[in-house]
C-alpha atoms as a PDB file:
ATOM      1  CA  MET A   1      48.117 -21.984-110.293  1.00  0.00           C
ATOM      2  CA  GLY A   2      46.587 -19.133-108.517  1.00  0.00           C
ATOM      3  CA  LEU A   3      44.149 -15.920-110.020  1.00  0.00           C
ATOM      4  CA  TYR A   4      45.478 -12.912-111.271  1.00  0.00           C
ATOM      5  CA  HIS A   5      44.534  -9.271-111.718  1.00  0.00           C
ATOM      6  CA  VAL A   6      45.534  -8.122-115.182  1.00  0.00           C
ATOM      7  CA  LYS A   7      45.455  -4.422-115.763  1.00  0.00           C
ATOM      8  CA  PHE A   8      46.353  -2.958-119.000  1.00  0.00           C
ATOM      9  CA  THR A   9      48.147   0.234-119.426  1.00  0.00           C
ATOM     10  CA  ASN A  10      49.278   0.252-123.130  1.00  0.00           C
ATOM     11  CA  LEU A  11      46.717  -0.750-125.543  1.00  0.00           C
ATOM     12  CA  ALA A  12      47.161   2.084-127.594  1.00  0.00           C
ATOM     13  CA  GLY A  13      43.775   3.284-126.773  1.00  0.00           C
ATOM     14  CA  LYS A  14      41.904   0.073-127.276  1.00  0.00           C
ATOM     15  CA  THR A  15      40.069  -1.696-124.659  1.00  0.00           C
ATOM     16  CA  LEU A  16      39.220  -5.575-124.206  1.00  0.00           C
ATOM     17  CA  LYS A  17      35.210  -4.914-124.048  1.00  0.00           C
ATOM     18  CA  ASP A  18      32.721  -2.260-123.427  1.00  0.00           C
ATOM     19  CA  GLY A  19      35.546  -0.006-122.188  1.00  0.00           C
ATOM     20  CA  LYS A  20      36.792  -2.671-119.563  1.00  0.00           C
ATOM     21  CA  ASN A  21      40.492  -2.909-119.312  1.00  0.00           C
ATOM     22  CA  ALA A  22      41.346  -5.440-116.907  1.00  0.00           C
ATOM     23  CA  ALA A  23      40.769  -9.257-116.443  1.00  0.00           C
ATOM     24  CA  ILE A  24      40.820 -11.921-114.008  1.00  0.00           C
ATOM     25  CA  VAL A  25      42.978 -14.877-115.030  1.00  0.00           C
ATOM     26  CA  GLN A  26      43.572 -18.424-113.904  1.00  0.00           C
ATOM     27  CA  ALA A  27      47.393 -18.875-114.284  1.00  0.00           C
ATOM     28  CA  ASP A  28      50.755 -20.302-112.972  1.00  0.00           C
ATOM     29  CA  SER A  29      52.492 -17.339-112.643  1.00  0.00           C
ATOM     30  CA  VAL A  30      52.373 -13.424-113.863  1.00  0.00           C
ATOM     31  CA  ALA A  31      54.321 -14.349-117.045  1.00  0.00           C
ATOM     32  CA  ASP A  32      51.610 -17.006-118.050  1.00  0.00           C
ATOM     33  CA  ALA A  33      48.821 -14.344-117.133  1.00  0.00           C
ATOM     34  CA  LYS A  34      50.262 -11.900-119.775  1.00  0.00           C
ATOM     35  CA  GLN A  35      50.502 -14.730-122.027  1.00  0.00           C
ATOM     36  CA  ILE A  36      46.982 -15.888-121.750  1.00  0.00           C
ATOM     37  CA  MET A  37      45.951 -12.555-122.417  1.00  0.00           C
ATOM     38  CA  LYS A  38      48.122 -11.805-125.271  1.00  0.00           C
ATOM     39  CA  ALA A  39      46.515 -14.917-127.071  1.00  0.00           C
ATOM     40  CA  TYR A  40      42.874 -13.962-125.978  1.00  0.00           C
ATOM     41  CA  VAL A  41      42.811 -10.484-127.251  1.00  0.00           C
ATOM     42  CA  GLY A  42      44.897 -11.017-130.160  1.00  0.00           C
ATOM     43  CA  THR A  43      47.257  -8.190-129.690  1.00  0.00           C
ATOM     44  CA  PRO A  44      50.697 -10.132-130.407  1.00  0.00           C
ATOM     45  CA  LYS A  45      53.203  -7.510-129.734  1.00  0.00           C
ATOM     46  CA  ASP A  46      55.197  -7.905-126.399  1.00  0.00           C
ATOM     47  CA  GLY A  47      55.202  -4.039-126.183  1.00  0.00           C
ATOM     48  CA  ALA A  48      51.480  -3.951-125.407  1.00  0.00           C
ATOM     49  CA  TRP A  49      52.220  -5.984-122.553  1.00  0.00           C
ATOM     50  CA  SER A  50      55.008  -4.985-120.785  1.00  0.00           C
ATOM     51  CA  GLU A  51      53.770  -2.436-118.755  1.00  0.00           C
ATOM     52  CA  ALA A  52      50.464  -4.300-117.712  1.00  0.00           C
ATOM     53  CA  THR A  53      49.926  -4.396-114.332  1.00  0.00           C
ATOM     54  CA  VAL A  54      49.683  -8.465-112.913  1.00  0.00           C
ATOM     55  CA  THR A  55      48.479  -8.940-109.513  1.00  0.00           C
ATOM     56  CA  LEU A  56      48.414 -12.138-107.693  1.00  0.00           C
ATOM     57  CA  LEU A  57      45.034 -12.213-106.270  1.00  0.00           C
ATOM     58  CA  SER A  58      44.910 -15.834-104.479  1.00  0.00           C
ATOM     59  CA  GLU A  59      46.518 -18.886-104.597  1.00  0.00           C
ATOM     60  CA  ALA A  60      44.947 -22.520-104.016  1.00  0.00           C
ATOM     61  CA  THR A  61      47.045 -22.211-100.586  1.00  0.00           C
ATOM     62  CA  ASN A  62      46.141 -18.589 -99.755  1.00  0.00           C
ATOM     63  CA  LEU A  63      42.245 -18.183-100.075  1.00  0.00           C
ATOM     64  CA  ASN A  64      41.725 -15.823 -96.802  1.00  0.00           C
ATOM     65  CA  GLY A  65      38.180 -13.904 -97.177  1.00  0.00           C
ATOM     66  CA  TRP A  66      37.175 -16.028-100.086  1.00  0.00           C
ATOM     67  CA  ARG A  67      34.108 -18.002 -99.777  1.00  0.00           C
ATOM     68  CA  THR A  68      33.042 -21.371-101.265  1.00  0.00           C
ATOM     69  CA  ARG A  69      29.410 -21.863-101.466  1.00  0.00           C
ATOM     70  CA  ILE A  70      27.751 -25.118-102.810  1.00  0.00           C
ATOM     71  CA  THR A  71      24.054 -25.202-103.806  1.00  0.00           C
ATOM     72  CA  ILE A  72      21.779 -27.886-104.071  1.00  0.00           C
ATOM     73  CA  LYS A  73      18.717 -28.191-106.504  1.00  0.00           C
ATOM     74  CA  ASP A  74      16.176 -30.665-106.683  1.00  0.00           C
ATOM     75  CA  THR A  75      15.175 -32.174-110.487  1.00  0.00           C
ATOM     76  CA  GLY A  76      12.837 -29.200-110.586  1.00  0.00           C
ATOM     77  CA  GLY A  77      15.881 -26.651-109.987  1.00  0.00           C
ATOM     78  CA  SER A  78      14.380 -25.526-106.716  1.00  0.00           C
ATOM     79  CA  VAL A  79      17.475 -24.849-103.990  1.00  0.00           C
ATOM     80  CA  VAL A  80      17.026 -27.773-101.570  1.00  0.00           C
ATOM     81  CA  GLU A  81      20.003 -26.688 -99.752  1.00  0.00           C
ATOM     82  CA  GLN A  82      23.206 -23.988 -99.658  1.00  0.00           C
ATOM     83  CA  VAL A  83      26.190 -23.512 -97.544  1.00  0.00           C
ATOM     84  CA  THR A  84      28.653 -21.137 -97.981  1.00  0.00           C
ATOM     85  CA  VAL A  85      32.072 -21.286 -95.804  1.00  0.00           C
ATOM     86  CA  THR A  86      34.747 -18.394 -95.370  1.00  0.00           C
ATOM     87  CA  SER A  87      38.700 -18.937 -95.584  1.00  0.00           C
ATOM     88  CA  VAL A  88      40.665 -17.373 -92.946  1.00  0.00           C
ATOM     89  CA  ASP A  89      44.042 -16.824 -92.383  1.00  0.00           C
ATOM     90  CA  THR A  90      46.002 -19.701 -94.672  1.00  0.00           C
ATOM     91  CA  ASP A  91      43.358 -22.060 -95.258  1.00  0.00           C
ATOM     92  CA  ASP A  92      43.681 -23.952 -98.224  1.00  0.00           C
ATOM     93  CA  PHE A  93      41.121 -26.816 -99.688  1.00  0.00           C
ATOM     94  CA  ASP A  94      41.502 -29.502 -96.882  1.00  0.00           C
ATOM     95  CA  ASP A  95      40.790 -26.782 -94.441  1.00  0.00           C
ATOM     96  CA  ILE A  96      37.585 -25.551 -96.766  1.00  0.00           C
ATOM     97  CA  GLY A  97      36.491 -29.548 -97.258  1.00  0.00           C
ATOM     98  CA  GLY A  98      36.471 -29.783 -93.576  1.00  0.00           C
ATOM     99  CA  ASP A  99      34.248 -26.475 -93.453  1.00  0.00           C
ATOM    100  CA  LEU A 100      32.173 -27.627 -95.786  1.00  0.00           C
ATOM    101  CA  VAL A 101      31.333 -30.920 -94.069  1.00  0.00           C
ATOM    102  CA  THR A 102      30.317 -29.189 -90.957  1.00  0.00           C
ATOM    103  CA  ALA A 103      28.123 -26.750 -92.646  1.00  0.00           C
ATOM    104  CA  LEU A 104      26.313 -29.453 -95.018  1.00  0.00           C
ATOM    105  CA  ASN A 105      25.967 -32.122 -91.667  1.00  0.00           C
ATOM    106  CA  ALA A 106      24.182 -28.725 -90.028  1.00  0.00           C
ATOM    107  CA  THR A 107      21.808 -28.712 -92.890  1.00  0.00           C
ATOM    108  CA  ALA A 108      18.273 -30.050 -92.546  1.00  0.00           C
ATOM    109  CA  SER A 109      18.424 -32.874 -95.616  1.00  0.00           C
ATOM    110  CA  ILE A 110      21.966 -33.656 -95.253  1.00  0.00           C
ATOM    111  CA  ALA A 111      23.591 -36.258 -92.649  1.00  0.00           C
ATOM    112  CA  GLY A 112      26.435 -38.170 -94.411  1.00  0.00           C
ATOM    113  CA  ALA A 113      28.663 -35.228 -95.860  1.00  0.00           C
ATOM    114  CA  ALA A 114      32.490 -36.281 -95.274  1.00  0.00           C
ATOM    115  CA  TYR A 115      36.016 -34.862 -96.729  1.00  0.00           C
ATOM    116  CA  SER A 116      39.134 -36.777 -97.912  1.00  0.00           C
ATOM    117  CA  THR A 117      41.983 -35.243 -99.779  1.00  0.00           C
ATOM    118  CA  PRO A 118      40.636 -34.130-102.601  1.00  0.00           C
ATOM    119  CA  ASN A 119      37.239 -35.043-102.410  1.00  0.00           C
ATOM    120  CA  LEU A 120      34.222 -33.920-100.610  1.00  0.00           C
ATOM    121  CA  THR A 121      31.267 -36.025-100.548  1.00  0.00           C
ATOM    122  CA  VAL A 122      28.340 -33.605-100.707  1.00  0.00           C
ATOM    123  CA  ALA A 123      25.854 -35.987 -99.552  1.00  0.00           C
ATOM    124  CA  GLU A 124      26.317 -39.974 -99.108  1.00  0.00           C
ATOM    125  CA  THR A 125      23.986 -42.337-100.771  1.00  0.00           C
ATOM    126  CA  THR A 126      21.536 -42.615 -97.625  1.00  0.00           C
ATOM    127  CA  ASP A 127      20.781 -38.969 -97.800  1.00  0.00           C
ATOM    128  CA  GLY A 128      18.516 -39.738-101.158  1.00  0.00           C
ATOM    129  CA  LEU A 129      20.030 -36.349-103.102  1.00  0.00           C
ATOM    130  CA  GLY A 130      21.718 -38.520-106.046  1.00  0.00           C
ATOM    131  CA  ASP A 131      19.482 -37.100-108.507  1.00  0.00           C
ATOM    132  CA  HIS A 132      19.832 -33.812-107.700  1.00  0.00           C
ATOM    133  CA  THR A 133      22.265 -30.858-109.177  1.00  0.00           C
ATOM    134  CA  VAL A 134      25.012 -29.945-107.200  1.00  0.00           C
ATOM    135  CA  VAL A 135      26.574 -26.061-108.219  1.00  0.00           C
ATOM    136  CA  CYS A 136      30.080 -25.112-106.762  1.00  0.00           C
ATOM    137  CA  GLU A 137      30.987 -21.723-106.705  1.00  0.00           C
ATOM    138  CA  LEU A 138      34.381 -19.502-105.277  1.00  0.00           C
ATOM    139  CA  LEU A 139      33.099 -15.787-104.423  1.00  0.00           C
ATOM    140  CA  PRO A 140      35.724 -13.264-103.626  1.00  0.00           C
ATOM    141  CA  PRO A 141      36.035 -11.589-100.153  1.00  0.00           C
ATOM    142  CA  ALA A 142      32.929  -9.708 -98.812  1.00  0.00           C
ATOM    143  CA  SER A 143      34.889  -6.502 -99.000  1.00  0.00           C
ATOM    144  CA  TRP A 144      35.621  -6.671-102.774  1.00  0.00           C
ATOM    145  CA  ASP A 145      33.442  -4.300-105.000  1.00  0.00           C
ATOM    146  CA  ASP A 146      31.581  -6.852-106.596  1.00  0.00           C
ATOM    147  CA  SER A 147      31.855  -9.877-104.361  1.00  0.00           C
ATOM    148  CA  SER A 148      28.883 -11.647-106.147  1.00  0.00           C
ATOM    149  CA  VAL A 149      30.954 -12.900-109.187  1.00  0.00           C
ATOM    150  CA  ALA A 150      31.104 -16.570-108.876  1.00  0.00           C
ATOM    151  CA  LEU A 151      33.827 -18.838-110.036  1.00  0.00           C
ATOM    152  CA  THR A 152      32.733 -21.966-110.992  1.00  0.00           C
ATOM    153  CA  GLY A 153      35.788 -23.378-112.975  1.00  0.00           C
ATOM    154  CA  LEU A 154      38.253 -23.950-109.984  1.00  0.00           C
ATOM    155  CA  PHE A 155      36.274 -27.058-109.283  1.00  0.00           C
ATOM    156  CA  GLY A 156      37.292 -30.644-110.451  1.00  0.00           C
ATOM    157  CA  THR A 157      34.961 -33.346-111.379  1.00  0.00           C
ATOM    158  CA  ILE A 158      31.361 -33.149-110.082  1.00  0.00           C
ATOM    159  CA  MET A 159      29.055 -36.196-109.428  1.00  0.00           C
ATOM    160  CA  HIS A 160      25.653 -35.483-109.475  1.00  0.00           C
ATOM    161  CA  GLU A 161      22.113 -35.893-111.536  1.00  0.00           C
ATOM    162  CA  GLY A 162      22.332 -39.802-111.019  1.00  0.00           C
ATOM    163  CA  SER A 163      20.120 -41.869-109.059  1.00  0.00           C
ATOM    164  CA  ALA A 164      18.139 -40.916-105.952  1.00  0.00           C
ATOM    165  CA  GLY A 165      20.356 -43.345-104.232  1.00  0.00           C
ATOM    166  CA  ALA A 166      23.859 -42.312-105.352  1.00  0.00           C
ATOM    167  CA  ALA A 167      26.128 -40.077-103.811  1.00  0.00           C
ATOM    168  CA  LEU A 168      26.995 -36.249-104.507  1.00  0.00           C
ATOM    169  CA  SER A 169      30.619 -35.591-104.555  1.00  0.00           C
ATOM    170  CA  VAL A 170      33.284 -32.910-106.085  1.00  0.00           C
ATOM    171  CA  VAL A 171      36.826 -32.883-106.382  1.00  0.00           C
ATOM    172  CA  LEU A 172      37.789 -29.589-104.626  1.00  0.00           C
ATOM    173  CA  ASN A 173      41.358 -28.850-105.407  1.00  0.00           C
ATOM    174  CA  ASN A 174      41.334 -29.898-109.355  1.00  0.00           C
ATOM    175  CA  ILE A 175      42.412 -26.252-110.650  1.00  0.00           C
ATOM    176  CA  LYS A 176      41.280 -26.311-114.265  1.00  0.00           C
ATOM    177  CA  THR A 177      43.452 -25.421-117.490  1.00  0.00           C
ATOM    178  CA  PRO A 178      44.601 -21.746-117.399  1.00  0.00           C
ATOM    179  CA  GLU A 179      41.605 -19.195-118.860  1.00  0.00           C
ATOM    180  CA  VAL A 180      40.269 -15.584-118.815  1.00  0.00           C
ATOM    181  CA  LYS A 181      37.799 -15.518-116.040  1.00  0.00           C
ATOM    182  CA  TYR A 182      36.054 -12.189-116.194  1.00  0.00           C
ATOM    183  CA  ILE A 183      37.000  -9.144-118.159  1.00  0.00           C
ATOM    184  CA  VAL A 184      36.514  -6.101-116.039  1.00  0.00           C
ATOM    185  CA  ARG A 185      36.541  -2.134-115.909  1.00  0.00           C
ATOM    186  CA  ASP A 186      39.226  -1.173-113.489  1.00  0.00           C
END
């Protein structure tokens, strides 16, 4: 599963929305990315998609430069802690999990972060943050034109908003069903 940039070159003068002609799609392959967009846009003719340019942006095992951000908010919505780690070289979700543990345990509020494939314990029971909200985001490399776009659908189950004495956790490598993530102007 990866993220694909799909650029449309032959939509007969049509755009997807507000003049935008590209999308970021989560899919298993180039062919799947085209099929997902074909269904999403409702342009059934294969000819309209034959010239679309599809570029693999990132796979789960090639996240170089991508940033993973974990934000913990209290019951009133205020940020209690926020950490961001940047992937290097061939980091995969296990490497990211280890980096997040280090960053989380370096905060003032957390001492019990841990990782065991694929589960990240964001805060353990004695941290007393179980009633808080966890937001997990994957951000593109800082070198991108808009590196602030946060992808949230790439993470699995998040355990949060329970009792204060519960642990906070998230499944890191549970890639969700293929879908169109963003429509962009390219």
